[in-house]
Amino acid sequence: MEEKRHSSKEYERELHEIKEGLLYQGALVEKAIAEAIKALLNRDSELARGVICDDNEIDRLDIEIEEKCIRVLALRQPAARDLRFITTAIKINGHLERIGDMAVNIAEKAIILNKEPQMKPYIDIPRMAEIAQGMIRESLDSLVHENVDLATKVRMDDETIDDLNDQIFRELLTYMMEDVRTIHRALIISHVSKSLERIADHAVGIADMVVYMVTGKSVRHGPPCEPEEKT
């Protein structure tokens, strides 16, 4: 039996506005990541400063979406699937805001690195960024289409990000061991890589909330451990 939904057109409009707000915020954080990485690759500190300034809009939208969700909870008292959507939207909103903060972190590190001689070509960093952006896009697409399979794919893509992060760290460690003068730059590049890894984690968090919204089951902590049988 299909779950009962509120009949008010105004209420449906409010839910639609929340979803559209999340998608717009997703587009903003994707742009922030892309421009932060471009600022690093092109040694464009002015572009990096633009990413930092533009984070104000992401923060403003974060507050606006949260207030809309709280208003719907207080005035409409949603139930069942709609209640799961609102609670999911609040969580997703937080993940997107923190992704924006990670893009700012990358932009700040780009400004520092751009003042130094480039230590090595950036190869895996832009790969990580591209995959992470795709994960954000797919996690929000899974929200729009209520697609659990797509949300599950996002979690699988996170393994590739983790592998690249480990690979970058091992490579940077080699540089630092061979030449102590590279330590400062290597550590900053490592911070960029770690920020991208955390962005991917937030994308997984979004996907996990979509699974909860659609199925009512939480997968954030993975399946429970089965106790070992006593022999």
C-alpha atoms as a PDB file:
ATOM      1  CA  MET A   1       0.000   0.000   0.000  1.00  0.00           C
ATOM      2  CA  GLU A   2       1.373   3.411  -0.987  1.00  0.00           C
ATOM      3  CA  GLU A   3       2.237   5.667   1.923  1.00  0.00           C
ATOM      4  CA  LYS A   4      -0.207   8.507   2.516  1.00  0.00           C
ATOM      5  CA  ARG A   5       1.108  11.897   1.435  1.00  0.00           C
ATOM      6  CA  HIS A   6       0.004  15.400   2.344  1.00  0.00           C
ATOM      7  CA  SER A   7      -2.517  16.839  -0.126  1.00  0.00           C
ATOM      8  CA  SER A   8      -1.658  20.543   0.245  1.00  0.00           C
ATOM      9  CA  LYS A   9      -0.205  22.122  -2.896  1.00  0.00           C
ATOM     10  CA  GLU A  10       1.630  24.643  -0.746  1.00  0.00           C
ATOM     11  CA  TYR A  11       3.199  21.816   1.207  1.00  0.00           C
ATOM     12  CA  GLU A  12       4.297  20.064  -1.989  1.00  0.00           C
ATOM     13  CA  ARG A  13       5.810  23.337  -3.170  1.00  0.00           C
ATOM     14  CA  GLU A  14       7.791  23.640   0.049  1.00  0.00           C
ATOM     15  CA  LEU A  15       9.191  20.137  -0.358  1.00  0.00           C
ATOM     16  CA  HIS A  16      10.082  20.903  -3.978  1.00  0.00           C
ATOM     17  CA  GLU A  17      11.896  24.099  -2.951  1.00  0.00           C
ATOM     18  CA  ILE A  18      13.981  22.173  -0.431  1.00  0.00           C
ATOM     19  CA  LYS A  19      14.988  19.610  -3.047  1.00  0.00           C
ATOM     20  CA  GLU A  20      15.799  22.318  -5.601  1.00  0.00           C
ATOM     21  CA  GLY A  21      17.849  24.149  -2.985  1.00  0.00           C
ATOM     22  CA  LEU A  22      19.931  21.043  -2.355  1.00  0.00           C
ATOM     23  CA  LEU A  23      20.553  20.576  -6.072  1.00  0.00           C
ATOM     24  CA  TYR A  24      21.601  24.208  -6.463  1.00  0.00           C
ATOM     25  CA  GLN A  25      23.908  23.920  -3.475  1.00  0.00           C
ATOM     26  CA  GLY A  26      25.345  20.747  -5.039  1.00  0.00           C
ATOM     27  CA  ALA A  27      26.093  22.677  -8.228  1.00  0.00           C
ATOM     28  CA  LEU A  28      27.824  25.399  -6.211  1.00  0.00           C
ATOM     29  CA  VAL A  29      30.103  22.998  -4.336  1.00  0.00           C
ATOM     30  CA  GLU A  30      30.954  21.143  -7.551  1.00  0.00           C
ATOM     31  CA  LYS A  31      31.977  24.461  -9.094  1.00  0.00           C
ATOM     32  CA  ALA A  32      34.005  25.330  -5.996  1.00  0.00           C
ATOM     33  CA  ILE A  33      35.959  22.062  -6.206  1.00  0.00           C
ATOM     34  CA  ALA A  34      36.583  22.471  -9.933  1.00  0.00           C
ATOM     35  CA  GLU A  35      37.825  26.045  -9.551  1.00  0.00           C
ATOM     36  CA  ALA A  36      39.976  25.254  -6.508  1.00  0.00           C
ATOM     37  CA  ILE A  37      41.724  22.479  -8.439  1.00  0.00           C
ATOM     38  CA  LYS A  38      42.032  24.702 -11.524  1.00  0.00           C
ATOM     39  CA  ALA A  39      43.636  27.371  -9.328  1.00  0.00           C
ATOM     40  CA  LEU A  40      46.169  24.782  -8.188  1.00  0.00           C
ATOM     41  CA  LEU A  41      46.925  23.390 -11.649  1.00  0.00           C
ATOM     42  CA  ASN A  42      47.162  26.807 -13.326  1.00  0.00           C
ATOM     43  CA  ARG A  43      48.857  28.477 -10.341  1.00  0.00           C
ATOM     44  CA  ASP A  44      46.039  31.024 -10.326  1.00  0.00           C
ATOM     45  CA  SER A  45      45.840  32.467  -6.822  1.00  0.00           C
ATOM     46  CA  GLU A  46      43.219  35.033  -7.847  1.00  0.00           C
ATOM     47  CA  LEU A  47      40.862  32.215  -8.822  1.00  0.00           C
ATOM     48  CA  ALA A  48      41.591  30.525  -5.489  1.00  0.00           C
ATOM     49  CA  ARG A  49      40.624  33.702  -3.636  1.00  0.00           C
ATOM     50  CA  GLY A  50      37.375  33.743  -5.595  1.00  0.00           C
ATOM     51  CA  VAL A  51      36.567  30.235  -4.326  1.00  0.00           C
ATOM     52  CA  ILE A  52      37.115  31.428  -0.761  1.00  0.00           C
ATOM     53  CA  CYS A  53      34.826  34.442  -1.234  1.00  0.00           C
ATOM     54  CA  ASP A  54      32.113  32.426  -2.994  1.00  0.00           C
ATOM     55  CA  ASP A  55      31.826  30.135   0.036  1.00  0.00           C
ATOM     56  CA  ASN A  56      29.676  32.852   1.624  1.00  0.00           C
ATOM     57  CA  GLU A  57      26.874  31.937  -0.799  1.00  0.00           C
ATOM     58  CA  ILE A  58      27.140  28.251   0.139  1.00  0.00           C
ATOM     59  CA  ASP A  59      26.962  29.174   3.830  1.00  0.00           C
ATOM     60  CA  ARG A  60      23.951  31.430   3.204  1.00  0.00           C
ATOM     61  CA  LEU A  61      22.155  28.670   1.324  1.00  0.00           C
ATOM     62  CA  ASP A  62      22.984  26.181   4.075  1.00  0.00           C
ATOM     63  CA  ILE A  63      21.143  28.364   6.622  1.00  0.00           C
ATOM     64  CA  GLU A  64      18.223  28.982   4.248  1.00  0.00           C
ATOM     65  CA  ILE A  65      17.646  25.290   3.521  1.00  0.00           C
ATOM     66  CA  GLU A  66      17.937  24.338   7.185  1.00  0.00           C
ATOM     67  CA  GLU A  67      15.379  26.991   8.149  1.00  0.00           C
ATOM     68  CA  LYS A  68      12.960  25.746   5.475  1.00  0.00           C
ATOM     69  CA  CYS A  69      13.298  22.176   6.758  1.00  0.00           C
ATOM     70  CA  ILE A  70      12.688  23.232  10.356  1.00  0.00           C
ATOM     71  CA  ARG A  71       9.661  25.286   9.289  1.00  0.00           C
ATOM     72  CA  VAL A  72       8.138  22.299   7.487  1.00  0.00           C
ATOM     73  CA  LEU A  73       8.760  20.065  10.490  1.00  0.00           C
ATOM     74  CA  ALA A  74       7.152  22.571  12.848  1.00  0.00           C
ATOM     75  CA  LEU A  75       4.160  23.635  10.776  1.00  0.00           C
ATOM     76  CA  ARG A  76       3.355  20.602   8.595  1.00  0.00           C
ATOM     77  CA  GLN A  77       4.263  17.753  10.950  1.00  0.00           C
ATOM     78  CA  PRO A  78       5.212  15.424   8.068  1.00  0.00           C
ATOM     79  CA  ALA A  79       4.921  11.677   8.533  1.00  0.00           C
ATOM     80  CA  ALA A  80       6.340   8.493   7.007  1.00  0.00           C
ATOM     81  CA  ARG A  81       8.229   9.084   3.728  1.00  0.00           C
ATOM     82  CA  ASP A  82       7.957  12.884   3.872  1.00  0.00           C
ATOM     83  CA  LEU A  83       9.429  12.901   7.359  1.00  0.00           C
ATOM     84  CA  ARG A  84      12.346  10.797   6.130  1.00  0.00           C
ATOM     85  CA  PHE A  85      12.845  13.229   3.244  1.00  0.00           C
ATOM     86  CA  ILE A  86      13.042  16.247   5.559  1.00  0.00           C
ATOM     87  CA  THR A  87      15.457  14.576   7.978  1.00  0.00           C
ATOM     88  CA  THR A  88      17.500  13.395   4.989  1.00  0.00           C
ATOM     89  CA  ALA A  89      17.540  16.908   3.515  1.00  0.00           C
ATOM     90  CA  ILE A  90      18.899  18.357   6.770  1.00  0.00           C
ATOM     91  CA  LYS A  91      21.744  15.821   6.779  1.00  0.00           C
ATOM     92  CA  ILE A  92      22.519  16.283   3.069  1.00  0.00           C
ATOM     93  CA  ASN A  93      22.528  20.053   3.540  1.00  0.00           C
ATOM     94  CA  GLY A  94      25.197  19.679   6.214  1.00  0.00           C
ATOM     95  CA  HIS A  95      27.318  17.404   4.025  1.00  0.00           C
ATOM     96  CA  LEU A  96      27.197  19.898   1.144  1.00  0.00           C
ATOM     97  CA  GLU A  97      28.179  22.811   3.380  1.00  0.00           C
ATOM     98  CA  ARG A  98      31.181  20.869   4.636  1.00  0.00           C
ATOM     99  CA  ILE A  99      32.155  19.972   1.068  1.00  0.00           C
ATOM    100  CA  GLY A 100      32.221  23.710   0.386  1.00  0.00           C
ATOM    101  CA  ASP A 101      34.564  24.128   3.358  1.00  0.00           C
ATOM    102  CA  MET A 102      36.867  21.435   1.926  1.00  0.00           C
ATOM    103  CA  ALA A 103      36.963  23.308  -1.404  1.00  0.00           C
ATOM    104  CA  VAL A 104      37.996  26.432   0.524  1.00  0.00           C
ATOM    105  CA  ASN A 105      40.749  24.422   2.223  1.00  0.00           C
ATOM    106  CA  ILE A 106      42.046  23.329  -1.186  1.00  0.00           C
ATOM    107  CA  ALA A 107      41.948  26.920  -2.453  1.00  0.00           C
ATOM    108  CA  GLU A 108      43.897  28.126   0.589  1.00  0.00           C
ATOM    109  CA  LYS A 109      46.519  25.425   0.040  1.00  0.00           C
ATOM    110  CA  ALA A 110      46.705  26.369  -3.654  1.00  0.00           C
ATOM    111  CA  ILE A 111      47.592  29.949  -2.713  1.00  0.00           C
ATOM    112  CA  ILE A 112      50.452  28.678  -0.536  1.00  0.00           C
ATOM    113  CA  LEU A 113      51.726  26.211  -3.145  1.00  0.00           C
ATOM    114  CA  ASN A 114      51.539  28.796  -5.926  1.00  0.00           C
ATOM    115  CA  LYS A 115      54.194  30.852  -4.105  1.00  0.00           C
ATOM    116  CA  GLU A 116      56.629  27.923  -4.213  1.00  0.00           C
ATOM    117  CA  PRO A 117      58.363  26.161  -7.131  1.00  0.00           C
ATOM    118  CA  GLN A 118      56.188  23.283  -8.316  1.00  0.00           C
ATOM    119  CA  MET A 119      57.520  20.063  -6.822  1.00  0.00           C
ATOM    120  CA  LYS A 120      55.934  17.614  -9.266  1.00  0.00           C
ATOM    121  CA  PRO A 121      53.244  17.467 -11.954  1.00  0.00           C
ATOM    122  CA  TYR A 122      49.757  17.114 -10.528  1.00  0.00           C
ATOM    123  CA  ILE A 123      48.368  13.899 -12.013  1.00  0.00           C
ATOM    124  CA  ASP A 124      46.394  12.000  -9.376  1.00  0.00           C
ATOM    125  CA  ILE A 125      45.048  15.127  -7.635  1.00  0.00           C
ATOM    126  CA  PRO A 126      42.869  16.163 -10.619  1.00  0.00           C
ATOM    127  CA  ARG A 127      41.802  12.523 -11.029  1.00  0.00           C
ATOM    128  CA  MET A 128      40.642  12.468  -7.435  1.00  0.00           C
ATOM    129  CA  ALA A 129      38.797  15.744  -7.916  1.00  0.00           C
ATOM    130  CA  GLU A 130      37.014  14.498 -11.030  1.00  0.00           C
ATOM    131  CA  ILE A 131      35.886  11.301  -9.311  1.00  0.00           C
ATOM    132  CA  ALA A 132      34.784  13.192  -6.186  1.00  0.00           C
ATOM    133  CA  GLN A 133      32.745  15.641  -8.265  1.00  0.00           C
ATOM    134  CA  GLY A 134      31.112  12.715 -10.043  1.00  0.00           C
ATOM    135  CA  MET A 135      30.263  11.158  -6.673  1.00  0.00           C
ATOM    136  CA  ILE A 136      28.543  14.349  -5.537  1.00  0.00           C
ATOM    137  CA  ARG A 137      26.590  14.522  -8.789  1.00  0.00           C
ATOM    138  CA  GLU A 138      25.547  10.869  -8.609  1.00  0.00           C
ATOM    139  CA  SER A 139      24.572  11.069  -4.946  1.00  0.00           C
ATOM    140  CA  LEU A 140      22.245  13.990  -5.715  1.00  0.00           C
ATOM    141  CA  ASP A 141      20.925  12.223  -8.818  1.00  0.00           C
ATOM    142  CA  SER A 142      20.113   9.258  -6.578  1.00  0.00           C
ATOM    143  CA  LEU A 143      18.116  11.693  -4.415  1.00  0.00           C
ATOM    144  CA  VAL A 144      16.153  13.077  -7.356  1.00  0.00           C
ATOM    145  CA  HIS A 145      15.359   9.638  -8.793  1.00  0.00           C
ATOM    146  CA  GLU A 146      15.244   7.823  -5.436  1.00  0.00           C
ATOM    147  CA  ASN A 147      17.719   5.355  -6.934  1.00  0.00           C
ATOM    148  CA  VAL A 148      19.293   3.068  -4.349  1.00  0.00           C
ATOM    149  CA  ASP A 149      21.542   1.375  -6.929  1.00  0.00           C
ATOM    150  CA  LEU A 150      23.110   4.710  -7.876  1.00  0.00           C
ATOM    151  CA  ALA A 151      23.611   5.546  -4.211  1.00  0.00           C
ATOM    152  CA  THR A 152      25.357   2.193  -3.732  1.00  0.00           C
ATOM    153  CA  LYS A 153      27.677   2.961  -6.677  1.00  0.00           C
ATOM    154  CA  VAL A 154      28.811   6.133  -4.916  1.00  0.00           C
ATOM    155  CA  ARG A 155      29.966   4.078  -1.935  1.00  0.00           C
ATOM    156  CA  MET A 156      31.922   1.774  -4.287  1.00  0.00           C
ATOM    157  CA  ASP A 157      33.590   4.747  -6.021  1.00  0.00           C
ATOM    158  CA  ASP A 158      34.915   5.857  -2.642  1.00  0.00           C
ATOM    159  CA  GLU A 159      37.352   2.934  -2.689  1.00  0.00           C
ATOM    160  CA  THR A 160      39.051   4.401  -5.768  1.00  0.00           C
ATOM    161  CA  ILE A 161      39.437   7.737  -3.981  1.00  0.00           C
ATOM    162  CA  ASP A 162      40.966   6.030  -0.950  1.00  0.00           C
ATOM    163  CA  ASP A 163      43.427   4.143  -3.164  1.00  0.00           C
ATOM    164  CA  LEU A 164      44.521   7.336  -4.926  1.00  0.00           C
ATOM    165  CA  ASN A 165      44.930   9.139  -1.611  1.00  0.00           C
ATOM    166  CA  ASP A 166      47.176   6.346  -0.338  1.00  0.00           C
ATOM    167  CA  GLN A 167      49.153   6.368  -3.582  1.00  0.00           C
ATOM    168  CA  ILE A 168      49.736  10.119  -3.392  1.00  0.00           C
ATOM    169  CA  PHE A 169      50.874   9.868   0.221  1.00  0.00           C
ATOM    170  CA  ARG A 170      53.377   7.109  -0.600  1.00  0.00           C
ATOM    171  CA  GLU A 171      54.768   9.135  -3.502  1.00  0.00           C
ATOM    172  CA  LEU A 172      55.079  12.269  -1.370  1.00  0.00           C
ATOM    173  CA  LEU A 173      56.782  10.280   1.367  1.00  0.00           C
ATOM    174  CA  THR A 174      59.437   9.234  -1.155  1.00  0.00           C
ATOM    175  CA  TYR A 175      60.048  12.880  -2.101  1.00  0.00           C
ATOM    176  CA  MET A 176      60.403  13.894   1.550  1.00  0.00           C
ATOM    177  CA  MET A 177      62.834  11.083   2.305  1.00  0.00           C
ATOM    178  CA  GLU A 178      65.016  11.964  -0.682  1.00  0.00           C
ATOM    179  CA  ASP A 179      65.061  15.728  -0.146  1.00  0.00           C
ATOM    180  CA  VAL A 180      64.098  17.448   3.124  1.00  0.00           C
ATOM    181  CA  ARG A 181      63.522  20.695   1.227  1.00  0.00           C
ATOM    182  CA  THR A 182      60.340  19.197  -0.240  1.00  0.00           C
ATOM    183  CA  ILE A 183      58.741  18.419   3.143  1.00  0.00           C
ATOM    184  CA  HIS A 184      56.743  21.663   3.432  1.00  0.00           C
ATOM    185  CA  ARG A 185      55.300  21.439  -0.073  1.00  0.00           C
ATOM    186  CA  ALA A 186      54.689  17.701   0.196  1.00  0.00           C
ATOM    187  CA  LEU A 187      52.694  18.108   3.395  1.00  0.00           C
ATOM    188  CA  ILE A 188      50.513  20.807   1.822  1.00  0.00           C
ATOM    189  CA  ILE A 189      49.857  18.623  -1.240  1.00  0.00           C
ATOM    190  CA  SER A 190      48.975  15.819   1.160  1.00  0.00           C
ATOM    191  CA  HIS A 191      46.434  18.141   2.797  1.00  0.00           C
ATOM    192  CA  VAL A 192      44.869  18.791  -0.624  1.00  0.00           C
ATOM    193  CA  SER A 193      44.609  15.055  -1.252  1.00  0.00           C
ATOM    194  CA  LYS A 194      43.091  14.521   2.195  1.00  0.00           C
ATOM    195  CA  SER A 195      40.520  17.256   1.558  1.00  0.00           C
ATOM    196  CA  LEU A 196      39.443  15.481  -1.636  1.00  0.00           C
ATOM    197  CA  GLU A 197      39.226  12.199   0.276  1.00  0.00           C
ATOM    198  CA  ARG A 198      36.978  13.874   2.849  1.00  0.00           C
ATOM    199  CA  ILE A 199      34.822  15.358   0.065  1.00  0.00           C
ATOM    200  CA  ALA A 200      34.289  11.826  -1.233  1.00  0.00           C
ATOM    201  CA  ASP A 201      33.340  10.702   2.282  1.00  0.00           C
ATOM    202  CA  HIS A 202      30.687  13.417   2.414  1.00  0.00           C
ATOM    203  CA  ALA A 203      29.354  12.268  -0.971  1.00  0.00           C
ATOM    204  CA  VAL A 204      29.052   8.770   0.499  1.00  0.00           C
ATOM    205  CA  GLY A 205      27.226  10.300   3.459  1.00  0.00           C
ATOM    206  CA  ILE A 206      24.718  11.868   1.063  1.00  0.00           C
ATOM    207  CA  ALA A 207      24.230   8.570  -0.754  1.00  0.00           C
ATOM    208  CA  ASP A 208      23.712   6.734   2.534  1.00  0.00           C
ATOM    209  CA  MET A 209      21.005   9.220   3.526  1.00  0.00           C
ATOM    210  CA  VAL A 210      19.253   8.613   0.210  1.00  0.00           C
ATOM    211  CA  VAL A 211      19.204   4.875   0.955  1.00  0.00           C
ATOM    212  CA  TYR A 212      17.651   5.693   4.331  1.00  0.00           C
ATOM    213  CA  MET A 213      15.056   7.969   2.720  1.00  0.00           C
ATOM    214  CA  VAL A 214      14.005   5.357   0.171  1.00  0.00           C
ATOM    215  CA  THR A 215      14.169   2.203   2.292  1.00  0.00           C
ATOM    216  CA  GLY A 216      13.916   3.445   5.858  1.00  0.00           C
ATOM    217  CA  LYS A 217      17.117   1.531   6.683  1.00  0.00           C
ATOM    218  CA  SER A 218      20.350   3.147   7.881  1.00  0.00           C
ATOM    219  CA  VAL A 219      23.532   1.949   6.135  1.00  0.00           C
ATOM    220  CA  ARG A 220      25.885   4.639   7.449  1.00  0.00           C
ATOM    221  CA  HIS A 221      27.832   2.227   9.627  1.00  0.00           C
ATOM    222  CA  GLY A 222      27.629  -0.790   7.315  1.00  0.00           C
ATOM    223  CA  PRO A 223      26.062  -4.136   8.165  1.00  0.00           C
ATOM    224  CA  PRO A 224      26.186  -5.212  11.814  1.00  0.00           C
ATOM    225  CA  CYS A 225      28.883  -7.661  12.846  1.00  0.00           C
ATOM    226  CA  GLU A 226      27.667 -11.190  13.384  1.00  0.00           C
ATOM    227  CA  PRO A 227      28.819 -12.725  16.672  1.00  0.00           C
ATOM    228  CA  GLU A 228      31.176 -15.647  16.291  1.00  0.00           C
ATOM    229  CA  GLU A 229      29.691 -19.029  16.989  1.00  0.00           C
ATOM    230  CA  LYS A 230      31.098 -20.764  20.026  1.00  0.00           C
ATOM    231  CA  THR A 231      32.641 -24.138  19.367  1.00  0.00           C
END
